[in-house]
Amino acid sequence: MARKTSFYYSFLVLPAEQRRAIIAVWDFCRAVDDAVDEEETVADGLPTGRDAVAFWRAELGRAFDGGAPRTPQAQRLQPFIKSFDLPRQAFDDVIDGVAMDLDTTRYRTFDDLFEYCRRVASAVGLICIRIWGCTEPRSSDYALNLGVALQLTNILRDVKGDLELGRVYLPLEDLEEHGCTVDDLSAGVVHDRVRALIAFECVRARDFYQRAVDARPLADCGRLVAAEIMRAVYFETLRRIERNHYDVFTARARVPRPRQALIALRQWLFPA
C-alpha cells in the first residue's frame, strides 16, 4: 500500500490481520483497474484492455474456488477469502464496473452513473465491512452510500484529467439542466453555468456523505473507524473544491499528507 493513496492513514488504525486483508483487496482491485484503464502501464505480460476483464474474472474464480491463481495479487487475496468470508459478488461487481470504462465515456442520467459508482466503489466497501467484522445490516447501507460519496468526490476532483482521456462522468442531463456542454467543460473556464453545475454535483456528493452518516449503526461504530477516516479525508477534498469556488480545472484538489494524518488522528481519537 503506497503512501500516495488517500486510504493510507485509514488502514494504519486496523489490526494487523485486517490491514493485510484490506491491502490484499485493494491491490487486487487496483490491478484490475490498471489492466483495463491504463494498458501501457501493465507489465509482466498480463492481458490488458478487454482481454484483462476475462483474465481477472478467471483469476478471481481460481482464488475463490481453491485453484492456483497466477498473479501475486490473487495469491495474496486467496487466504483471506475464507477467513473473512469475503463476498464474491462484490468482486464481480468491481470487475463489471471497471469494464464499463471500456465502452462508456458518457453517462446520460445520474441513475446510470449511480450504477457505475455502486460497482467500482460501494462494492469495495461491502468487502471491507466483512473484514472489519460489521454485523449490523445497516452497515451495508453505510458502505453503499459512502462508496457513492467517495466516487462522486473522485469524479469532481478529476474532471480535467478525465476530459483529457475523453471521458465525462458528470451526467449529461445535469449539464443540460445547467445550460452547459462538454465543450464548456473542455474549455476549462469556470463561468457561472459551469460553477453552478459543479456546485450542484458537490451538493449531491454531500447528500451521500450524510446518508452514510445517517445509516451508520451504533453497534458497528467502533468497527468503522477506518471507513470514517476515509470519509473525513475525502470530505475535506470536497470542501477544498467548494472553497476554491468550484474551479476543478486550474489545480486538482488535494489534501496534503500532514493534513490527512491530522484528520486521521482526530477521527480516531474523537470520532464524529
Protein backbone atom coordinates (compact mmCIF):
# COMPACT_ATOMS: atom_id res chain seq x y z
CA MET A 1 0.00 0.00 0.00
CA ALA A 2 1.67 3.18 -1.20
CA ARG A 3 1.53 6.30 0.96
CA LYS A 4 0.20 8.21 -2.03
CA THR A 5 -3.24 6.62 -1.70
CA SER A 6 -5.80 8.65 0.24
CA PHE A 7 -6.69 5.47 2.12
CA TYR A 8 -3.19 5.04 3.60
CA TYR A 9 -3.83 6.59 7.00
CA SER A 10 -7.20 4.91 7.44
CA PHE A 11 -5.58 1.49 7.08
CA LEU A 12 -2.94 2.24 9.71
CA VAL A 13 -5.52 2.08 12.50
CA LEU A 14 -6.52 -1.50 11.67
CA PRO A 15 -5.33 -4.61 13.50
CA ALA A 16 -2.53 -6.33 11.57
CA GLU A 17 -4.59 -9.16 10.06
CA GLN A 18 -7.36 -6.83 8.96
CA ARG A 19 -4.80 -4.44 7.49
CA ARG A 20 -3.18 -7.25 5.48
CA ALA A 21 -6.59 -8.35 4.21
CA ILE A 22 -7.62 -4.82 3.22
CA ILE A 23 -4.33 -4.26 1.41
CA ALA A 24 -4.77 -7.56 -0.46
CA VAL A 25 -8.26 -6.49 -1.56
CA TRP A 26 -7.02 -3.02 -2.54
CA ASP A 27 -4.08 -4.45 -4.54
CA PHE A 28 -6.34 -6.90 -6.39
CA CYS A 29 -8.88 -4.22 -7.32
CA ARG A 30 -6.09 -1.80 -8.28
CA ALA A 31 -4.53 -4.41 -10.59
CA VAL A 32 -7.85 -4.96 -12.35
CA ASP A 33 -8.39 -1.24 -12.79
CA ASP A 34 -4.86 -0.65 -14.09
CA ALA A 35 -5.09 -3.52 -16.57
CA VAL A 36 -8.32 -2.21 -18.07
CA ASP A 37 -7.75 1.52 -17.72
CA GLU A 38 -4.03 2.06 -18.14
CA GLU A 39 -2.93 -0.52 -20.63
CA GLU A 40 0.52 0.88 -21.28
CA THR A 41 1.49 0.71 -17.58
CA VAL A 42 0.83 -3.00 -17.06
CA ALA A 43 3.88 -5.23 -17.11
CA ASP A 44 4.63 -8.95 -16.70
CA GLY A 45 2.91 -9.90 -19.94
CA LEU A 46 -0.57 -9.85 -18.42
CA PRO A 47 -3.59 -9.13 -20.62
CA THR A 48 -4.83 -5.56 -20.91
CA GLY A 49 -7.97 -3.87 -22.12
CA ARG A 50 -10.86 -6.19 -22.96
CA ASP A 51 -8.77 -9.31 -22.53
CA ALA A 52 -7.99 -8.21 -18.98
CA VAL A 53 -11.65 -8.43 -17.94
CA ALA A 54 -11.85 -12.13 -18.80
CA PHE A 55 -8.42 -12.82 -17.32
CA TRP A 56 -9.12 -11.20 -13.96
CA ARG A 57 -12.57 -12.77 -13.73
CA ALA A 58 -10.93 -16.17 -14.24
CA GLU A 59 -8.26 -15.24 -11.73
CA LEU A 60 -10.96 -14.37 -9.24
CA GLY A 61 -12.54 -17.76 -9.86
CA ARG A 62 -9.27 -19.52 -9.17
CA ALA A 63 -8.88 -17.61 -5.92
CA PHE A 64 -12.41 -18.34 -4.72
CA ASP A 65 -12.64 -21.94 -5.93
CA GLY A 66 -9.40 -23.10 -4.36
CA GLY A 67 -7.41 -23.15 -7.57
CA ALA A 68 -3.92 -21.83 -8.21
CA PRO A 69 -4.03 -18.10 -9.02
CA ARG A 70 -1.40 -16.88 -11.46
CA THR A 71 -0.87 -13.37 -10.12
CA PRO A 72 0.64 -12.25 -6.82
CA GLN A 73 -2.42 -10.07 -6.21
CA ALA A 74 -4.83 -13.01 -6.34
CA GLN A 75 -2.40 -15.23 -4.45
CA ARG A 76 -2.25 -12.73 -1.58
CA LEU A 77 -6.02 -12.32 -1.62
CA GLN A 78 -6.86 -16.03 -1.58
CA PRO A 79 -6.13 -16.82 2.11
CA PHE A 80 -8.42 -14.03 3.28
CA ILE A 81 -11.43 -15.16 1.24
CA LYS A 82 -12.30 -17.95 3.64
CA SER A 83 -11.04 -16.38 6.86
CA PHE A 84 -13.18 -13.26 6.38
CA ASP A 85 -15.96 -14.84 4.30
CA LEU A 86 -15.46 -12.29 1.52
CA PRO A 87 -18.40 -11.84 -0.88
CA ARG A 88 -17.58 -12.99 -4.39
CA GLN A 89 -20.40 -10.98 -5.94
CA ALA A 90 -18.81 -7.75 -4.73
CA PHE A 91 -15.56 -8.60 -6.53
CA ASP A 92 -17.53 -9.44 -9.69
CA ASP A 93 -19.25 -6.07 -9.36
CA VAL A 94 -15.87 -4.32 -9.18
CA ILE A 95 -14.72 -6.05 -12.37
CA ASP A 96 -18.03 -5.19 -14.08
CA GLY A 97 -17.63 -1.56 -13.04
CA VAL A 98 -14.07 -1.29 -14.29
CA ALA A 99 -15.17 -2.91 -17.57
CA MET A 100 -17.73 -0.13 -18.07
CA ASP A 101 -14.84 2.23 -18.82
CA LEU A 102 -14.10 0.22 -21.96
CA ASP A 103 -17.37 1.19 -23.63
CA THR A 104 -18.83 4.11 -21.69
CA THR A 105 -17.41 7.61 -21.88
CA ARG A 106 -20.64 9.46 -21.11
CA TYR A 107 -23.50 8.93 -18.63
CA ARG A 108 -26.92 10.19 -19.64
CA THR A 109 -28.56 10.16 -16.19
CA PHE A 110 -27.49 10.04 -12.58
CA ASP A 111 -29.11 6.62 -12.30
CA ASP A 112 -26.62 5.42 -14.92
CA LEU A 113 -23.72 6.97 -13.03
CA PHE A 114 -25.00 5.60 -9.71
CA GLU A 115 -24.68 2.06 -11.06
CA TYR A 116 -21.07 2.73 -12.02
CA CYS A 117 -20.32 4.18 -8.56
CA ARG A 118 -22.02 1.24 -6.87
CA ARG A 119 -19.85 -1.21 -8.73
CA VAL A 120 -16.43 0.44 -8.55
CA ALA A 121 -16.69 1.92 -5.06
CA SER A 122 -19.61 0.68 -2.97
CA ALA A 123 -18.79 -2.94 -3.79
CA VAL A 124 -15.34 -2.45 -2.27
CA GLY A 125 -17.00 -1.06 0.84
CA LEU A 126 -19.17 -4.18 1.11
CA ILE A 127 -15.99 -6.25 1.05
CA CYS A 128 -14.37 -4.07 3.69
CA ILE A 129 -17.20 -4.32 6.20
CA ARG A 130 -16.78 -8.10 6.17
CA ILE A 131 -13.11 -7.68 7.05
CA TRP A 132 -13.95 -5.20 9.80
CA GLY A 133 -16.43 -7.65 11.31
CA CYS A 134 -19.51 -5.48 10.94
CA THR A 135 -22.68 -7.34 11.89
CA GLU A 136 -25.47 -4.77 11.60
CA PRO A 137 -27.50 -4.82 8.35
CA ARG A 138 -27.33 -1.00 8.19
CA SER A 139 -23.57 -1.23 7.78
CA SER A 140 -24.29 -2.32 4.21
CA ASP A 141 -26.34 0.85 3.68
CA TYR A 142 -23.45 2.82 5.14
CA ALA A 143 -20.98 1.17 2.74
CA LEU A 144 -23.25 1.74 -0.26
CA ASN A 145 -23.76 5.44 0.40
CA LEU A 146 -20.19 6.15 1.44
CA GLY A 147 -18.88 4.42 -1.67
CA VAL A 148 -21.05 6.62 -3.89
CA ALA A 149 -19.96 9.73 -1.98
CA LEU A 150 -16.27 8.86 -2.35
CA GLN A 151 -16.62 8.11 -6.05
CA LEU A 152 -18.54 11.33 -6.72
CA THR A 153 -15.74 13.21 -4.96
CA ASN A 154 -13.19 11.45 -7.17
CA ILE A 155 -15.20 12.39 -10.25
CA LEU A 156 -15.34 16.06 -9.25
CA ARG A 157 -11.65 16.15 -8.36
CA ASP A 158 -10.70 14.51 -11.69
CA VAL A 159 -12.96 16.34 -14.15
CA LYS A 160 -9.99 17.80 -16.03
CA GLY A 161 -7.97 14.57 -16.17
CA ASP A 162 -10.98 12.54 -17.28
CA LEU A 163 -11.70 15.03 -20.05
CA GLU A 164 -8.14 14.54 -21.30
CA LEU A 165 -8.95 10.82 -21.56
CA GLY A 166 -12.14 11.59 -23.46
CA ARG A 167 -14.41 10.79 -20.51
CA VAL A 168 -17.17 12.80 -18.87
CA TYR A 169 -18.65 11.25 -15.76
CA LEU A 170 -20.91 14.17 -14.85
CA PRO A 171 -24.39 13.19 -16.06
CA LEU A 172 -25.31 14.78 -19.36
CA GLU A 173 -28.78 15.55 -18.03
CA ASP A 174 -27.14 17.72 -15.36
CA LEU A 175 -25.08 19.56 -17.96
CA GLU A 176 -28.22 20.25 -19.95
CA GLU A 177 -30.12 21.37 -16.85
CA HIS A 178 -27.41 23.97 -16.16
CA GLY A 179 -27.00 25.11 -19.75
CA CYS A 180 -23.56 23.53 -20.15
CA THR A 181 -21.95 21.42 -22.84
CA VAL A 182 -18.98 19.10 -22.85
CA ASP A 183 -17.17 21.80 -24.83
CA ASP A 184 -17.74 24.19 -21.92
CA LEU A 185 -16.01 21.74 -19.61
CA SER A 186 -13.20 21.15 -22.10
CA ALA A 187 -12.57 24.89 -22.29
CA GLY A 188 -11.73 24.83 -18.59
CA VAL A 189 -13.33 28.20 -17.88
CA VAL A 190 -15.38 28.43 -14.68
CA HIS A 191 -18.14 30.74 -15.85
CA ASP A 192 -21.43 30.97 -13.98
CA ARG A 193 -23.08 27.98 -15.66
CA VAL A 194 -20.11 25.69 -15.05
CA ARG A 195 -19.82 26.90 -11.47
CA ALA A 196 -23.50 26.17 -10.86
CA LEU A 197 -23.08 22.69 -12.35
CA ILE A 198 -20.11 21.79 -10.15
CA ALA A 199 -21.85 23.26 -7.10
CA PHE A 200 -24.89 21.08 -7.84
CA GLU A 201 -22.72 17.96 -8.01
CA CYS A 202 -20.99 18.92 -4.75
CA VAL A 203 -24.37 19.15 -3.04
CA ARG A 204 -25.22 15.70 -4.37
CA ALA A 205 -21.96 14.29 -3.01
CA ARG A 206 -22.65 15.94 0.36
CA ASP A 207 -26.05 14.26 0.39
CA PHE A 208 -24.48 10.82 0.04
CA TYR A 209 -21.97 11.57 2.79
CA GLN A 210 -24.91 12.48 5.02
CA ARG A 211 -26.78 9.34 4.01
CA ALA A 212 -23.76 7.31 5.09
CA VAL A 213 -23.65 9.07 8.46
CA ASP A 214 -27.38 8.56 8.95
CA ALA A 215 -27.07 4.84 8.14
CA ARG A 216 -24.09 4.26 10.43
CA PRO A 217 -25.21 1.74 13.07
CA LEU A 218 -24.22 2.42 16.64
CA ALA A 219 -23.26 -1.20 17.27
CA ASP A 220 -20.67 -1.14 14.47
CA CYS A 221 -19.27 2.36 15.02
CA GLY A 222 -16.08 1.04 16.60
CA ARG A 223 -15.52 -1.26 13.64
CA LEU A 224 -15.97 1.55 11.12
CA VAL A 225 -13.14 3.80 12.30
CA ALA A 226 -11.08 3.18 9.14
CA ALA A 227 -14.07 4.00 6.95
CA GLU A 228 -14.77 7.13 8.97
CA ILE A 229 -11.20 8.29 8.37
CA MET A 230 -11.74 7.76 4.63
CA ARG A 231 -14.96 9.73 4.88
CA ALA A 232 -13.29 12.61 6.69
CA VAL A 233 -10.33 12.80 4.28
CA TYR A 234 -12.49 12.69 1.17
CA PHE A 235 -14.98 15.14 2.62
CA GLU A 236 -12.07 17.53 3.10
CA THR A 237 -11.27 17.10 -0.61
CA LEU A 238 -14.85 18.05 -1.43
CA ARG A 239 -14.66 21.09 0.84
CA ARG A 240 -11.48 22.22 -0.91
CA ILE A 241 -13.29 22.10 -4.25
CA GLU A 242 -16.05 24.25 -2.77
CA ARG A 243 -13.62 26.69 -1.15
CA ASN A 244 -11.86 27.03 -4.50
CA HIS A 245 -15.15 28.36 -5.94
CA TYR A 246 -15.72 25.09 -7.84
CA ASP A 247 -12.67 25.52 -10.06
CA VAL A 248 -11.77 21.90 -10.89
CA PHE A 249 -9.60 22.89 -13.85
CA THR A 250 -6.76 25.10 -12.59
CA ALA A 251 -5.49 22.67 -9.97
CA ARG A 252 -6.51 19.23 -8.77
CA ALA A 253 -7.92 19.38 -5.25
CA ARG A 254 -5.57 17.61 -2.85
CA VAL A 255 -5.38 17.11 0.89
CA PRO A 256 -1.68 17.32 1.86
CA ARG A 257 -0.19 14.33 3.72
CA PRO A 258 0.25 16.17 7.05
CA ARG A 259 -3.38 17.30 6.89
CA GLN A 260 -4.51 13.74 6.13
CA ALA A 261 -2.55 12.46 9.12
CA LEU A 262 -4.13 15.10 11.36
CA ILE A 263 -7.62 14.25 10.10
CA ALA A 264 -6.97 10.55 10.71
CA LEU A 265 -5.68 11.17 14.24
CA ARG A 266 -8.60 13.45 15.09
CA GLN A 267 -11.15 10.97 13.72
CA TRP A 268 -9.51 8.12 15.62
CA LEU A 269 -9.41 9.98 18.93
CA PHE A 270 -12.66 11.91 18.61
CA PRO A 271 -15.00 10.03 16.27
CA ALA A 272 -17.81 12.22 14.94
